[in-house]
Protein backbone atom coordinates (compact mmCIF):
# COMPACT_ATOMS: atom_id res chain seq x y z
CA UNK A 1 11.70 -12.56 4.50
CA UNK A 2 13.54 -11.69 7.58
CA UNK A 3 12.71 -11.20 11.48
CA UNK A 4 12.47 -7.29 11.85
CA UNK A 5 14.06 -7.20 14.91
CA UNK A 6 17.03 -9.27 14.28
CA UNK A 7 17.52 -8.89 10.40
CA UNK A 8 18.07 -12.89 10.57
CA UNK A 9 16.57 -14.57 7.13
CA UNK A 10 13.26 -16.67 7.40
CA UNK A 11 14.10 -20.01 5.54
CA UNK A 12 12.74 -21.61 3.58
CA UNK A 13 10.24 -18.86 2.45
CA UNK A 14 8.76 -19.13 -0.76
CA UNK A 15 7.56 -16.44 -2.88
CA UNK A 16 4.98 -16.95 -5.77
CA UNK A 17 6.66 -14.09 -7.95
CA UNK A 18 10.26 -12.86 -6.76
CA UNK A 19 11.16 -10.50 -9.62
CA UNK A 20 8.93 -8.71 -11.95
CA UNK A 21 8.32 -5.13 -13.55
CA UNK A 22 5.51 -2.72 -12.75
CA UNK A 23 4.92 0.85 -14.07
CA UNK A 24 3.74 3.59 -11.72
CA UNK A 25 0.80 3.32 -9.91
CA UNK A 26 0.43 -0.34 -10.52
CA UNK A 27 -0.34 -2.70 -7.62
CA UNK A 28 0.70 -6.28 -7.28
CA UNK A 29 -0.38 -8.89 -4.53
CA UNK A 30 2.41 -11.45 -3.78
CA UNK A 31 1.91 -14.61 -1.88
CA UNK A 32 4.43 -16.32 0.75
CA UNK A 33 4.57 -19.63 2.03
CA UNK A 34 6.72 -20.44 5.19
CA UNK A 35 7.08 -22.40 8.45
CA UNK A 36 3.57 -20.85 10.56
CA UNK A 37 5.94 -21.26 13.62
CA UNK A 38 7.48 -18.27 12.66
CA UNK A 39 4.48 -16.44 12.96
CA UNK A 40 5.20 -15.32 16.41
CA UNK A 41 8.40 -13.36 15.16
CA UNK A 42 7.92 -9.91 13.52
CA UNK A 43 8.65 -10.18 9.91
CA UNK A 44 9.49 -7.82 7.02
CA UNK A 45 10.36 -8.07 3.30
CA UNK A 46 12.89 -5.66 1.58
CA UNK A 47 11.65 -4.05 -1.50
CA UNK A 48 13.84 -2.39 -4.21
CA UNK A 49 14.33 -1.71 -7.90
CA UNK A 50 15.98 -0.12 -11.12
CA UNK A 51 14.18 3.18 -10.13
CA UNK A 52 13.24 2.48 -6.58
CA UNK A 53 15.06 2.95 -3.31
CA UNK A 54 15.35 -0.06 -0.96
CA UNK A 55 12.32 -0.16 1.41
CA UNK A 56 11.81 -2.45 4.30
CA UNK A 57 8.10 -3.17 4.80
CA UNK A 58 6.57 -4.99 7.83
CA UNK A 59 4.22 -7.79 7.29
CA UNK A 60 0.68 -7.71 8.45
CA UNK A 61 -0.71 -11.39 8.34
CA UNK A 62 -4.05 -12.11 7.89
CA UNK A 63 -5.31 -14.53 10.95
């Protein structure tokens, strides 16, 4: 997880699953744990894979 404005890593950030396999059309929900103080920052994660180009995804948080 990174600040989407600066690119700086948000640490610590714990993912419930960091590496996994998916088939086309499959969906997966991932949970993150991090310091709530970072919620004031614009956040993003980067997704990439064997047959997938790198993609930056802006996080929308449930409040």
